[in-house]
Amino acid sequence: MNREEEIKRWQASIDDDLLEEAQRPLPRRNTALRWGGLAACLCAAALALALALPGHGAAETEDCG
């Protein structure tokens, strides 16, 4: 059996249900969850910067008053 015959046999064995399933679009993920995760990361980075800057937050060691 040569290669062309094998390919023809494989093509003939493909079921129509498989083709329909392959053509269906995949369900999209929730974009709100993705944007919420990004916002949480940005808030965590902003908090870390605010606490690490000299003269602000927990990085300050002198008494202000």
C-alpha atoms as a PDB file:
ATOM      1  CA  MET A   1       0.000   0.000   0.000  1.00  0.00           C
ATOM      2  CA  ASN A   2       1.547   3.274  -1.049  1.00  0.00           C
ATOM      3  CA  ARG A   3       1.307   6.619   0.666  1.00  0.00           C
ATOM      4  CA  GLU A   4      -1.483   8.000  -1.544  1.00  0.00           C
ATOM      5  CA  GLU A   5      -3.715   5.022  -0.796  1.00  0.00           C
ATOM      6  CA  GLU A   6      -3.124   5.467   2.925  1.00  0.00           C
ATOM      7  CA  ILE A   7      -4.061   9.139   2.742  1.00  0.00           C
ATOM      8  CA  LYS A   8      -7.242   8.339   0.807  1.00  0.00           C
ATOM      9  CA  ARG A   9      -8.166   5.695   3.391  1.00  0.00           C
ATOM     10  CA  TRP A  10      -7.604   8.167   6.251  1.00  0.00           C
ATOM     11  CA  GLN A  11      -9.694  10.822   4.522  1.00  0.00           C
ATOM     12  CA  ALA A  12     -12.525   8.348   3.941  1.00  0.00           C
ATOM     13  CA  SER A  13     -12.495   7.314   7.596  1.00  0.00           C
ATOM     14  CA  ILE A  14     -13.116  10.862   8.843  1.00  0.00           C
ATOM     15  CA  ASP A  15     -16.610  11.058  10.295  1.00  0.00           C
ATOM     16  CA  ASP A  16     -18.897  14.040   9.626  1.00  0.00           C
ATOM     17  CA  ASP A  17     -19.443  14.458  13.368  1.00  0.00           C
ATOM     18  CA  LEU A  18     -15.717  14.982  13.822  1.00  0.00           C
ATOM     19  CA  LEU A  19     -15.699  17.646  11.120  1.00  0.00           C
ATOM     20  CA  GLU A  20     -18.640  19.482  12.693  1.00  0.00           C
ATOM     21  CA  GLU A  21     -16.983  19.375  16.104  1.00  0.00           C
ATOM     22  CA  ALA A  22     -13.731  20.731  14.697  1.00  0.00           C
ATOM     23  CA  GLN A  23     -15.510  23.632  13.004  1.00  0.00           C
ATOM     24  CA  ARG A  24     -17.272  24.769  16.191  1.00  0.00           C
ATOM     25  CA  PRO A  25     -15.530  27.746  17.802  1.00  0.00           C
ATOM     26  CA  LEU A  26     -14.020  27.248  21.220  1.00  0.00           C
ATOM     27  CA  PRO A  27     -15.829  28.941  24.107  1.00  0.00           C
ATOM     28  CA  ARG A  28     -14.202  32.222  25.053  1.00  0.00           C
ATOM     29  CA  ARG A  29     -12.863  32.736  28.541  1.00  0.00           C
ATOM     30  CA  ASN A  30     -14.362  35.364  30.736  1.00  0.00           C
ATOM     31  CA  THR A  31     -12.580  38.616  29.878  1.00  0.00           C
ATOM     32  CA  ALA A  32     -13.679  40.226  33.147  1.00  0.00           C
ATOM     33  CA  LEU A  33     -11.625  37.645  35.033  1.00  0.00           C
ATOM     34  CA  ARG A  34      -8.567  38.444  32.924  1.00  0.00           C
ATOM     35  CA  TRP A  35      -8.909  42.216  33.420  1.00  0.00           C
ATOM     36  CA  GLY A  36      -9.566  41.718  37.135  1.00  0.00           C
ATOM     37  CA  GLY A  37      -6.356  39.733  37.479  1.00  0.00           C
ATOM     38  CA  LEU A  38      -4.415  42.435  35.675  1.00  0.00           C
ATOM     39  CA  ALA A  39      -5.915  45.133  37.925  1.00  0.00           C
ATOM     40  CA  ALA A  40      -5.019  43.128  41.039  1.00  0.00           C
ATOM     41  CA  CYS A  41      -1.405  42.787  39.876  1.00  0.00           C
ATOM     42  CA  LEU A  42      -1.155  46.512  39.191  1.00  0.00           C
ATOM     43  CA  CYS A  43      -2.593  47.319  42.626  1.00  0.00           C
ATOM     44  CA  ALA A  44      -0.097  44.976  44.282  1.00  0.00           C
ATOM     45  CA  ALA A  45       2.780  46.616  42.380  1.00  0.00           C
ATOM     46  CA  ALA A  46       1.577  50.107  43.329  1.00  0.00           C
ATOM     47  CA  LEU A  47       1.308  49.096  46.991  1.00  0.00           C
ATOM     48  CA  ALA A  48       4.802  47.596  46.944  1.00  0.00           C
ATOM     49  CA  LEU A  49       6.214  50.782  45.410  1.00  0.00           C
ATOM     50  CA  ALA A  50       4.389  52.995  47.896  1.00  0.00           C
ATOM     51  CA  LEU A  51       5.752  51.026  50.836  1.00  0.00           C
ATOM     52  CA  ALA A  52       9.286  50.833  49.447  1.00  0.00           C
ATOM     53  CA  LEU A  53       9.785  54.504  48.546  1.00  0.00           C
ATOM     54  CA  PRO A  54      11.916  56.443  51.040  1.00  0.00           C
ATOM     55  CA  GLY A  55       9.871  58.828  53.162  1.00  0.00           C
ATOM     56  CA  HIS A  56       6.609  56.979  52.539  1.00  0.00           C
ATOM     57  CA  GLY A  57       4.790  54.127  54.205  1.00  0.00           C
ATOM     58  CA  ALA A  58       6.647  51.440  56.162  1.00  0.00           C
ATOM     59  CA  ALA A  59      10.052  52.417  54.756  1.00  0.00           C
ATOM     60  CA  GLU A  60      10.095  55.556  56.927  1.00  0.00           C
ATOM     61  CA  THR A  61      11.934  54.983  60.214  1.00  0.00           C
ATOM     62  CA  GLU A  62      11.946  58.494  61.685  1.00  0.00           C
ATOM     63  CA  ASP A  63       9.166  59.860  63.865  1.00  0.00           C
ATOM     64  CA  CYS A  64       7.238  62.594  62.043  1.00  0.00           C
ATOM     65  CA  GLY A  65       5.820  64.364  64.946  1.00  0.00           C
END
